[in-house]
Amino acid sequence: MLLAILVLFNAIAVVLTADKTRKLTSKWDVLQQSQDRYDIEWRNLLLEEQSLSEHSRVTRIATKQLDMVRPMPKEEIIIRTK
Protein backbone atom coordinates (compact mmCIF):
# COMPACT_ATOMS: atom_id res chain seq x y z
CA MET A 1 0.00 0.00 0.00
CA LEU A 2 2.84 2.41 0.88
CA LEU A 3 4.52 1.69 -2.44
CA ALA A 4 1.31 2.52 -4.33
CA ILE A 5 1.02 5.85 -2.51
CA LEU A 6 4.66 6.69 -3.29
CA VAL A 7 4.13 5.83 -6.96
CA LEU A 8 1.03 8.02 -7.02
CA PHE A 9 2.89 10.98 -5.46
CA ASN A 10 5.76 10.45 -7.87
CA ALA A 11 3.35 10.47 -10.84
CA ILE A 12 1.76 13.71 -9.61
CA ALA A 13 5.22 15.26 -9.16
CA VAL A 14 6.17 14.29 -12.73
CA VAL A 15 2.98 15.82 -14.12
CA LEU A 16 3.45 19.06 -12.16
CA THR A 17 7.11 19.31 -13.18
CA ALA A 18 6.26 18.73 -16.84
CA ASP A 19 3.55 21.41 -16.69
CA LYS A 20 5.86 23.93 -15.03
CA THR A 21 8.60 23.17 -17.57
CA ARG A 22 6.17 23.71 -20.44
CA LYS A 23 5.05 27.07 -19.01
CA LEU A 24 8.63 28.21 -18.41
CA THR A 25 9.64 27.19 -21.94
CA SER A 26 6.74 29.17 -23.35
CA LYS A 27 7.72 32.22 -21.29
CA TRP A 28 11.35 31.81 -22.41
CA ASP A 29 10.26 31.87 -26.06
CA VAL A 30 8.27 35.06 -25.52
CA LEU A 31 11.25 36.70 -23.84
CA GLN A 32 13.57 35.64 -26.67
CA GLN A 33 11.19 37.19 -29.21
CA SER A 34 11.08 40.41 -27.20
CA GLN A 35 14.86 40.50 -27.03
CA ASP A 36 15.07 40.03 -30.81
CA ARG A 37 12.63 42.91 -31.36
CA TYR A 38 14.62 45.17 -29.01
CA ASP A 39 17.87 44.26 -30.76
CA ILE A 40 16.39 45.20 -34.13
CA GLU A 41 15.01 48.46 -32.71
CA TRP A 42 18.43 49.25 -31.17
CA ARG A 43 20.18 48.71 -34.52
CA ASN A 44 17.63 50.96 -36.24
CA LEU A 45 18.14 53.67 -33.62
CA LEU A 46 21.91 53.50 -34.10
CA LEU A 47 21.47 53.92 -37.84
CA GLU A 48 19.12 56.84 -37.30
CA GLU A 49 21.57 58.47 -34.90
CA GLN A 50 24.38 58.15 -37.44
CA SER A 51 22.30 59.69 -40.20
CA LEU A 52 21.09 62.55 -37.96
CA SER A 53 24.59 63.41 -36.80
CA GLU A 54 26.16 63.27 -40.25
CA HIS A 55 28.36 66.36 -40.80
CA SER A 56 26.82 67.37 -44.12
CA ARG A 57 23.31 67.24 -42.64
CA VAL A 58 24.33 69.34 -39.64
CA THR A 59 25.98 71.88 -41.96
CA ARG A 60 22.93 72.02 -44.22
CA ILE A 61 20.54 72.58 -41.30
CA ALA A 62 22.84 75.20 -39.78
CA THR A 63 22.98 77.22 -43.00
CA LYS A 64 19.39 76.85 -44.20
CA GLN A 65 17.28 76.74 -41.04
CA LEU A 66 19.45 78.68 -38.59
CA ASP A 67 21.03 81.12 -41.07
CA MET A 68 24.48 80.33 -39.74
CA VAL A 69 27.60 81.03 -41.79
CA ARG A 70 31.19 80.00 -41.45
CA PRO A 71 33.27 82.89 -40.06
CA MET A 72 35.97 84.47 -42.17
CA PRO A 73 39.53 83.63 -41.12
CA LYS A 74 40.13 87.22 -39.96
CA GLU A 75 37.05 86.95 -37.70
CA GLU A 76 38.29 83.81 -35.97
CA ILE A 77 39.79 84.14 -32.52
CA ILE A 78 42.07 81.40 -31.22
CA ILE A 79 41.96 80.85 -27.49
CA ARG A 80 44.79 78.93 -25.90
CA THR A 81 44.52 77.41 -22.44
CA LYS A 82 47.33 76.13 -20.32
PDB file of N, CA and C in Angstrom:
ATOM      1  N   MET A   1       0.824  -1.191   0.000  1.00  0.00           N
ATOM      2  CA  MET A   1       0.000   0.000   0.000  1.00  0.00           C
ATOM      3  C   MET A   1       0.873   1.262   0.000  1.00  0.00           C
ATOM      4  N   LEU A   2       1.926   1.268   0.803  1.00  0.00           N
ATOM      5  CA  LEU A   2       2.838   2.406   0.882  1.00  0.00           C
ATOM      6  C   LEU A   2       3.504   2.654  -0.471  1.00  0.00           C
ATOM      7  N   LEU A   3       3.890   1.574  -1.126  1.00  0.00           N
ATOM      8  CA  LEU A   3       4.517   1.688  -2.443  1.00  0.00           C
ATOM      9  C   LEU A   3       3.562   2.306  -3.465  1.00  0.00           C
ATOM     10  N   ALA A   4       2.303   1.966  -3.413  1.00  0.00           N
ATOM     11  CA  ALA A   4       1.312   2.522  -4.330  1.00  0.00           C
ATOM     12  C   ALA A   4       1.134   4.022  -4.092  1.00  0.00           C
ATOM     13  N   ILE A   5       1.146   4.429  -2.829  1.00  0.00           N
ATOM     14  CA  ILE A   5       1.021   5.853  -2.505  1.00  0.00           C
ATOM     15  C   ILE A   5       2.239   6.618  -3.005  1.00  0.00           C
ATOM     16  N   LEU A   6       3.434   6.047  -2.815  1.00  0.00           N
ATOM     17  CA  LEU A   6       4.658   6.688  -3.289  1.00  0.00           C
ATOM     18  C   LEU A   6       4.671   6.810  -4.816  1.00  0.00           C
ATOM     19  N   VAL A   7       4.201   5.791  -5.497  1.00  0.00           N
ATOM     20  CA  VAL A   7       4.130   5.826  -6.961  1.00  0.00           C
ATOM     21  C   VAL A   7       3.136   6.903  -7.400  1.00  0.00           C
ATOM     22  N   LEU A   8       2.019   7.007  -6.702  1.00  0.00           N
ATOM     23  CA  LEU A   8       1.027   8.022  -7.021  1.00  0.00           C
ATOM     24  C   LEU A   8       1.591   9.432  -6.818  1.00  0.00           C
ATOM     25  N   PHE A   9       2.267   9.679  -5.701  1.00  0.00           N
ATOM     26  CA  PHE A   9       2.890  10.984  -5.460  1.00  0.00           C
ATOM     27  C   PHE A   9       3.974  11.289  -6.501  1.00  0.00           C
ATOM     28  N   ASN A  10       4.725  10.273  -6.859  1.00  0.00           N
ATOM     29  CA  ASN A  10       5.758  10.448  -7.873  1.00  0.00           C
ATOM     30  C   ASN A  10       5.133  10.820  -9.228  1.00  0.00           C
ATOM     31  N   ALA A  11       4.038  10.172  -9.576  1.00  0.00           N
ATOM     32  CA  ALA A  11       3.353  10.467 -10.836  1.00  0.00           C
ATOM     33  C   ALA A  11       2.822  11.896 -10.831  1.00  0.00           C
ATOM     34  N   ILE A  12       2.258  12.334  -9.717  1.00  0.00           N
ATOM     35  CA  ILE A  12       1.760  13.712  -9.609  1.00  0.00           C
ATOM     36  C   ILE A  12       2.921  14.706  -9.725  1.00  0.00           C
ATOM     37  N   ALA A  13       4.047  14.387  -9.084  1.00  0.00           N
ATOM     38  CA  ALA A  13       5.218  15.262  -9.161  1.00  0.00           C
ATOM     39  C   ALA A  13       5.728  15.366 -10.598  1.00  0.00           C
ATOM     40  N   VAL A  14       5.728  14.284 -11.335  1.00  0.00           N
ATOM     41  CA  VAL A  14       6.172  14.294 -12.727  1.00  0.00           C
ATOM     42  C   VAL A  14       5.245  15.165 -13.574  1.00  0.00           C
ATOM     43  N   VAL A  15       3.946  15.025 -13.362  1.00  0.00           N
ATOM     44  CA  VAL A  15       2.983  15.822 -14.123  1.00  0.00           C
ATOM     45  C   VAL A  15       3.149  17.305 -13.809  1.00  0.00           C
ATOM     46  N   LEU A  16       3.284  17.659 -12.544  1.00  0.00           N
ATOM     47  CA  LEU A  16       3.452  19.057 -12.158  1.00  0.00           C
ATOM     48  C   LEU A  16       4.760  19.636 -12.712  1.00  0.00           C
ATOM     49  N   THR A  17       5.823  18.857 -12.653  1.00  0.00           N
ATOM     50  CA  THR A  17       7.115  19.306 -13.184  1.00  0.00           C
ATOM     51  C   THR A  17       7.044  19.516 -14.697  1.00  0.00           C
ATOM     52  N   ALA A  18       6.399  18.602 -15.388  1.00  0.00           N
ATOM     53  CA  ALA A  18       6.263  18.732 -16.841  1.00  0.00           C
ATOM     54  C   ALA A  18       5.443  19.975 -17.193  1.00  0.00           C
ATOM     55  N   ASP A  19       4.382  20.240 -16.444  1.00  0.00           N
ATOM     56  CA  ASP A  19       3.547  21.409 -16.693  1.00  0.00           C
ATOM     57  C   ASP A  19       4.330  22.694 -16.448  1.00  0.00           C
ATOM     58  N   LYS A  20       5.063  22.739 -15.339  1.00  0.00           N
ATOM     59  CA  LYS A  20       5.858  23.933 -15.026  1.00  0.00           C
ATOM     60  C   LYS A  20       6.943  24.145 -16.076  1.00  0.00           C
ATOM     61  N   THR A  21       7.572  23.071 -16.526  1.00  0.00           N
ATOM     62  CA  THR A  21       8.598  23.167 -17.565  1.00  0.00           C
ATOM     63  C   THR A  21       8.003  23.707 -18.857  1.00  0.00           C
ATOM     64  N   ARG A  22       6.842  23.246 -19.227  1.00  0.00           N
ATOM     65  CA  ARG A  22       6.169  23.708 -20.441  1.00  0.00           C
ATOM     66  C   ARG A  22       5.848  25.201 -20.344  1.00  0.00           C
ATOM     67  N   LYS A  23       5.367  25.645 -19.193  1.00  0.00           N
ATOM     68  CA  LYS A  23       5.053  27.066 -19.009  1.00  0.00           C
ATOM     69  C   LYS A  23       6.315  27.929 -19.055  1.00  0.00           C
ATOM     70  N   LEU A  24       7.377  27.449 -18.409  1.00  0.00           N
ATOM     71  CA  LEU A  24       8.626  28.211 -18.415  1.00  0.00           C
ATOM     72  C   LEU A  24       9.244  28.273 -19.814  1.00  0.00           C
ATOM     73  N   THR A  25       9.132  27.196 -20.564  1.00  0.00           N
ATOM     74  CA  THR A  25       9.639  27.188 -21.936  1.00  0.00           C
ATOM     75  C   THR A  25       8.871  28.175 -22.798  1.00  0.00           C
ATOM     76  N   SER A  26       7.562  28.224 -22.606  1.00  0.00           N
ATOM     77  CA  SER A  26       6.738  29.172 -23.346  1.00  0.00           C
ATOM     78  C   SER A  26       7.129  30.602 -22.999  1.00  0.00           C
ATOM     79  N   LYS A  27       7.318  30.882 -21.723  1.00  0.00           N
ATOM     80  CA  LYS A  27       7.719  32.218 -21.291  1.00  0.00           C
ATOM     81  C   LYS A  27       9.097  32.571 -21.845  1.00  0.00           C
ATOM     82  N   TRP A  28      10.008  31.611 -21.866  1.00  0.00           N
ATOM     83  CA  TRP A  28      11.355  31.811 -22.413  1.00  0.00           C
ATOM     84  C   TRP A  28      11.274  32.213 -23.894  1.00  0.00           C
ATOM     85  N   ASP A  29      10.423  31.541 -24.645  1.00  0.00           N
ATOM     86  CA  ASP A  29      10.262  31.866 -26.063  1.00  0.00           C
ATOM     87  C   ASP A  29       9.748  33.288 -26.258  1.00  0.00           C
ATOM     88  N   VAL A  30       8.799  33.697 -25.427  1.00  0.00           N
ATOM     89  CA  VAL A  30       8.269  35.060 -25.516  1.00  0.00           C
ATOM     90  C   VAL A  30       9.365  36.080 -25.209  1.00  0.00           C
ATOM     91  N   LEU A  31      10.162  35.794 -24.196  1.00  0.00           N
ATOM     92  CA  LEU A  31      11.246  36.702 -23.836  1.00  0.00           C
ATOM     93  C   LEU A  31      12.309  36.770 -24.930  1.00  0.00           C
ATOM     94  N   GLN A  32      12.603  35.660 -25.555  1.00  0.00           N
ATOM     95  CA  GLN A  32      13.565  35.644 -26.668  1.00  0.00           C
ATOM     96  C   GLN A  32      13.055  36.491 -27.835  1.00  0.00           C
ATOM     97  N   GLN A  33      11.764  36.384 -28.133  1.00  0.00           N
ATOM     98  CA  GLN A  33      11.186  37.188 -29.209  1.00  0.00           C
ATOM     99  C   GLN A  33      11.246  38.673 -28.873  1.00  0.00           C
ATOM    100  N   SER A  34      10.987  39.009 -27.628  1.00  0.00           N
ATOM    101  CA  SER A  34      11.077  40.407 -27.198  1.00  0.00           C
ATOM    102  C   SER A  34      12.510  40.912 -27.325  1.00  0.00           C
ATOM    103  N   GLN A  35      13.457  40.103 -26.932  1.00  0.00           N
ATOM    104  CA  GLN A  35      14.861  40.497 -27.034  1.00  0.00           C
ATOM    105  C   GLN A  35      15.245  40.724 -28.496  1.00  0.00           C
ATOM    106  N   ASP A  36      14.784  39.868 -29.381  1.00  0.00           N
ATOM    107  CA  ASP A  36      15.073  40.034 -30.807  1.00  0.00           C
ATOM    108  C   ASP A  36      14.481  41.344 -31.338  1.00  0.00           C
ATOM    109  N   ARG A  37      13.254  41.650 -30.933  1.00  0.00           N
ATOM    110  CA  ARG A  37      12.628  42.912 -31.359  1.00  0.00           C
ATOM    111  C   ARG A  37      13.412  44.117 -30.849  1.00  0.00           C
ATOM    112  N   TYR A  38      13.850  44.062 -29.585  1.00  0.00           N
ATOM    113  CA  TYR A  38      14.619  45.168 -29.014  1.00  0.00           C
ATOM    114  C   TYR A  38      15.979  45.307 -29.694  1.00  0.00           C
ATOM    115  N   ASP A  39      16.598  44.197 -30.045  1.00  0.00           N
ATOM    116  CA  ASP A  39      17.875  44.257 -30.759  1.00  0.00           C
ATOM    117  C   ASP A  39      17.708  44.935 -32.119  1.00  0.00           C
ATOM    118  N   ILE A  40      16.649  44.590 -32.826  1.00  0.00           N
ATOM    119  CA  ILE A  40      16.391  45.204 -34.130  1.00  0.00           C
ATOM    120  C   ILE A  40      16.115  46.697 -33.959  1.00  0.00           C
ATOM    121  N   GLU A  41      15.313  47.047 -32.959  1.00  0.00           N
ATOM    122  CA  GLU A  41      15.010  48.457 -32.711  1.00  0.00           C
ATOM    123  C   GLU A  41      16.284  49.223 -32.358  1.00  0.00           C
ATOM    124  N   TRP A  42      17.174  48.617 -31.566  1.00  0.00           N
ATOM    125  CA  TRP A  42      18.432  49.251 -31.170  1.00  0.00           C
ATOM    126  C   TRP A  42      19.302  49.521 -32.398  1.00  0.00           C
ATOM    127  N   ARG A  43      19.400  48.527 -33.290  1.00  0.00           N
ATOM    128  CA  ARG A  43      20.181  48.712 -34.521  1.00  0.00           C
ATOM    129  C   ARG A  43      19.592  49.837 -35.373  1.00  0.00           C
ATOM    130  N   ASN A  44      18.275  49.893 -35.471  1.00  0.00           N
ATOM    131  CA  ASN A  44      17.634  50.963 -36.241  1.00  0.00           C
ATOM    132  C   ASN A  44      17.886  52.332 -35.621  1.00  0.00           C
ATOM    133  N   LEU A  45      17.867  52.393 -34.297  1.00  0.00           N
ATOM    134  CA  LEU A  45      18.138  53.665 -33.620  1.00  0.00           C
ATOM    135  C   LEU A  45      19.586  54.102 -33.825  1.00  0.00           C
ATOM    136  N   LEU A  46      20.510  53.159 -33.825  1.00  0.00           N
ATOM    137  CA  LEU A  46      21.910  53.504 -34.096  1.00  0.00           C
ATOM    138  C   LEU A  46      22.075  54.051 -35.508  1.00  0.00           C
ATOM    139  N   LEU A  47      21.411  53.425 -36.470  1.00  0.00           N
ATOM    140  CA  LEU A  47      21.475  53.922 -37.843  1.00  0.00           C
ATOM    141  C   LEU A  47      20.881  55.322 -37.950  1.00  0.00           C
ATOM    142  N   GLU A  48      19.759  55.532 -37.270  1.00  0.00           N
ATOM    143  CA  GLU A  48      19.120  56.842 -37.301  1.00  0.00           C
ATOM    144  C   GLU A  48      20.014  57.897 -36.659  1.00  0.00           C
ATOM    145  N   GLU A  49      20.664  57.533 -35.558  1.00  0.00           N
ATOM    146  CA  GLU A  49      21.570  58.468 -34.896  1.00  0.00           C
ATOM    147  C   GLU A  49      22.725  58.841 -35.822  1.00  0.00           C
ATOM    148  N   GLN A  50      23.280  57.869 -36.516  1.00  0.00           N
ATOM    149  CA  GLN A  50      24.376  58.148 -37.441  1.00  0.00           C
ATOM    150  C   GLN A  50      23.932  59.086 -38.555  1.00  0.00           C
ATOM    151  N   SER A  51      22.762  58.841 -39.095  1.00  0.00           N
ATOM    152  CA  SER A  51      22.299  59.691 -40.196  1.00  0.00           C
ATOM    153  C   SER A  51      21.972  61.099 -39.706  1.00  0.00           C
ATOM    154  N   LEU A  52      21.431  61.223 -38.481  1.00  0.00           N
ATOM    155  CA  LEU A  52      21.087  62.548 -37.964  1.00  0.00           C
ATOM    156  C   LEU A  52      22.321  63.353 -37.574  1.00  0.00           C
ATOM    157  N   SER A  53      23.386  62.691 -37.219  1.00  0.00           N
ATOM    158  CA  SER A  53      24.587  63.410 -36.800  1.00  0.00           C
ATOM    159  C   SER A  53      25.616  63.531 -37.920  1.00  0.00           C
ATOM    160  N   GLU A  54      25.255  63.168 -39.118  1.00  0.00           N
ATOM    161  CA  GLU A  54      26.164  63.274 -40.251  1.00  0.00           C
ATOM    162  C   GLU A  54      26.544  64.739 -40.464  1.00  0.00           C
ATOM    163  N   HIS A  55      27.833  64.988 -40.717  1.00  0.00           N
ATOM    164  CA  HIS A  55      28.357  66.357 -40.803  1.00  0.00           C
ATOM    165  C   HIS A  55      27.658  67.185 -41.881  1.00  0.00           C
ATOM    166  N   SER A  56      27.446  66.609 -43.043  1.00  0.00           N
ATOM    167  CA  SER A  56      26.817  67.371 -44.121  1.00  0.00           C
ATOM    168  C   SER A  56      25.390  67.763 -43.760  1.00  0.00           C
ATOM    169  N   ARG A  57      24.687  66.914 -43.052  1.00  0.00           N
ATOM    170  CA  ARG A  57      23.314  67.238 -42.639  1.00  0.00           C
ATOM    171  C   ARG A  57      23.320  68.372 -41.625  1.00  0.00           C
ATOM    172  N   VAL A  58      24.232  68.289 -40.659  1.00  0.00           N
ATOM    173  CA  VAL A  58      24.325  69.338 -39.643  1.00  0.00           C
ATOM    174  C   VAL A  58      24.670  70.673 -40.304  1.00  0.00           C
ATOM    175  N   THR A  59      25.607  70.647 -41.245  1.00  0.00           N
ATOM    176  CA  THR A  59      25.982  71.876 -41.958  1.00  0.00           C
ATOM    177  C   THR A  59      24.811  72.435 -42.738  1.00  0.00           C
ATOM    178  N   ARG A  60      24.075  71.578 -43.425  1.00  0.00           N
ATOM    179  CA  ARG A  60      22.929  72.015 -44.223  1.00  0.00           C
ATOM    180  C   ARG A  60      21.855  72.656 -43.339  1.00  0.00           C
ATOM    181  N   ILE A  61      21.549  72.044 -42.217  1.00  0.00           N
ATOM    182  CA  ILE A  61      20.537  72.584 -41.302  1.00  0.00           C
ATOM    183  C   ILE A  61      21.016  73.914 -40.720  1.00  0.00           C
ATOM    184  N   ALA A  62      22.307  73.970 -40.361  1.00  0.00           N
ATOM    185  CA  ALA A  62      22.843  75.203 -39.777  1.00  0.00           C
ATOM    186  C   ALA A  62      22.745  76.362 -40.761  1.00  0.00           C
ATOM    187  N   THR A  63      23.019  76.113 -42.030  1.00  0.00           N
ATOM    188  CA  THR A  63      22.979  77.216 -42.996  1.00  0.00           C
ATOM    189  C   THR A  63      21.563  77.557 -43.434  1.00  0.00           C
ATOM    190  N   LYS A  64      20.724  76.573 -43.657  1.00  0.00           N
ATOM    191  CA  LYS A  64      19.386  76.847 -44.196  1.00  0.00           C
ATOM    192  C   LYS A  64      18.375  77.233 -43.128  1.00  0.00           C
ATOM    193  N   GLN A  65      18.324  76.489 -42.044  1.00  0.00           N
ATOM    194  CA  GLN A  65      17.280  76.736 -41.041  1.00  0.00           C
ATOM    195  C   GLN A  65      17.702  77.768 -39.997  1.00  0.00           C
ATOM    196  N   LEU A  66      18.983  77.794 -39.657  1.00  0.00           N
ATOM    197  CA  LEU A  66      19.446  78.681 -38.587  1.00  0.00           C
ATOM    198  C   LEU A  66      20.185  79.903 -39.125  1.00  0.00           C
ATOM    199  N   ASP A  67      20.330  80.002 -40.432  1.00  0.00           N
ATOM    200  CA  ASP A  67      21.030  81.125 -41.072  1.00  0.00           C
ATOM    201  C   ASP A  67      22.442  81.325 -40.509  1.00  0.00           C
ATOM    202  N   MET A  68      23.117  80.244 -40.247  1.00  0.00           N
ATOM    203  CA  MET A  68      24.483  80.332 -39.737  1.00  0.00           C
ATOM    204  C   MET A  68      25.449  80.319 -40.918  1.00  0.00           C
ATOM    205  N   VAL A  69      26.564  81.013 -40.766  1.00  0.00           N
ATOM    206  CA  VAL A  69      27.605  81.034 -41.794  1.00  0.00           C
ATOM    207  C   VAL A  69      28.944  80.749 -41.146  1.00  0.00           C
ATOM    208  N   ARG A  70      29.848  80.255 -41.952  1.00  0.00           N
ATOM    209  CA  ARG A  70      31.192  80.002 -41.455  1.00  0.00           C
ATOM    210  C   ARG A  70      31.925  81.339 -41.347  1.00  0.00           C
ATOM    211  N   PRO A  71      32.601  81.601 -40.212  1.00  0.00           N
ATOM    212  CA  PRO A  71      33.275  82.890 -40.056  1.00  0.00           C
ATOM    213  C   PRO A  71      34.484  82.994 -40.997  1.00  0.00           C
ATOM    214  N   MET A  72      34.795  84.211 -41.352  1.00  0.00           N
ATOM    215  CA  MET A  72      35.974  84.474 -42.174  1.00  0.00           C
ATOM    216  C   MET A  72      37.209  84.246 -41.306  1.00  0.00           C
ATOM    217  N   PRO A  73      38.328  83.871 -41.918  1.00  0.00           N
ATOM    218  CA  PRO A  73      39.535  83.626 -41.118  1.00  0.00           C
ATOM    219  C   PRO A  73      39.947  84.819 -40.268  1.00  0.00           C
ATOM    220  N   LYS A  74      39.742  86.045 -40.750  1.00  0.00           N
ATOM    221  CA  LYS A  74      40.129  87.215 -39.959  1.00  0.00           C
ATOM    222  C   LYS A  74      39.193  87.436 -38.773  1.00  0.00           C
ATOM    223  N   GLU A  75      37.999  86.823 -38.806  1.00  0.00           N
ATOM    224  CA  GLU A  75      37.049  86.955 -37.696  1.00  0.00           C
ATOM    225  C   GLU A  75      37.241  85.892 -36.632  1.00  0.00           C
ATOM    226  N   GLU A  76      38.060  84.902 -36.931  1.00  0.00           N
ATOM    227  CA  GLU A  76      38.291  83.812 -35.969  1.00  0.00           C
ATOM    228  C   GLU A  76      39.227  84.265 -34.863  1.00  0.00           C
ATOM    229  N   ILE A  77      38.935  83.843 -33.670  1.00  0.00           N
ATOM    230  CA  ILE A  77      39.786  84.144 -32.518  1.00  0.00           C
ATOM    231  C   ILE A  77      40.225  82.813 -31.930  1.00  0.00           C
ATOM    232  N   ILE A  78      41.524  82.641 -31.767  1.00  0.00           N
ATOM    233  CA  ILE A  78      42.066  81.399 -31.225  1.00  0.00           C
ATOM    234  C   ILE A  78      42.336  81.614 -29.749  1.00  0.00           C
ATOM    235  N   ILE A  79      41.791  80.757 -28.930  1.00  0.00           N
ATOM    236  CA  ILE A  79      41.961  80.853 -27.487  1.00  0.00           C
ATOM    237  C   ILE A  79      42.818  79.665 -27.045  1.00  0.00           C
ATOM    238  N   ARG A  80      43.885  79.981 -26.381  1.00  0.00           N
ATOM    239  CA  ARG A  80      44.788  78.927 -25.899  1.00  0.00           C
ATOM    240  C   ARG A  80      44.671  78.842 -24.376  1.00  0.00           C
ATOM    241  N   THR A  81      44.582  77.617 -23.896  1.00  0.00           N
ATOM    242  CA  THR A  81      44.523  77.411 -22.444  1.00  0.00           C
ATOM    243  C   THR A  81      45.739  76.626 -22.024  1.00  0.00           C
ATOM    244  N   LYS A  82      46.150  76.850 -20.824  1.00  0.00           N
ATOM    245  CA  LYS A  82      47.329  76.128 -20.316  1.00  0.00           C
ATOM    246  C   LYS A  82      46.944  75.009 -19.425  1.00  0.00           C
TER     247      LYS A  82
END
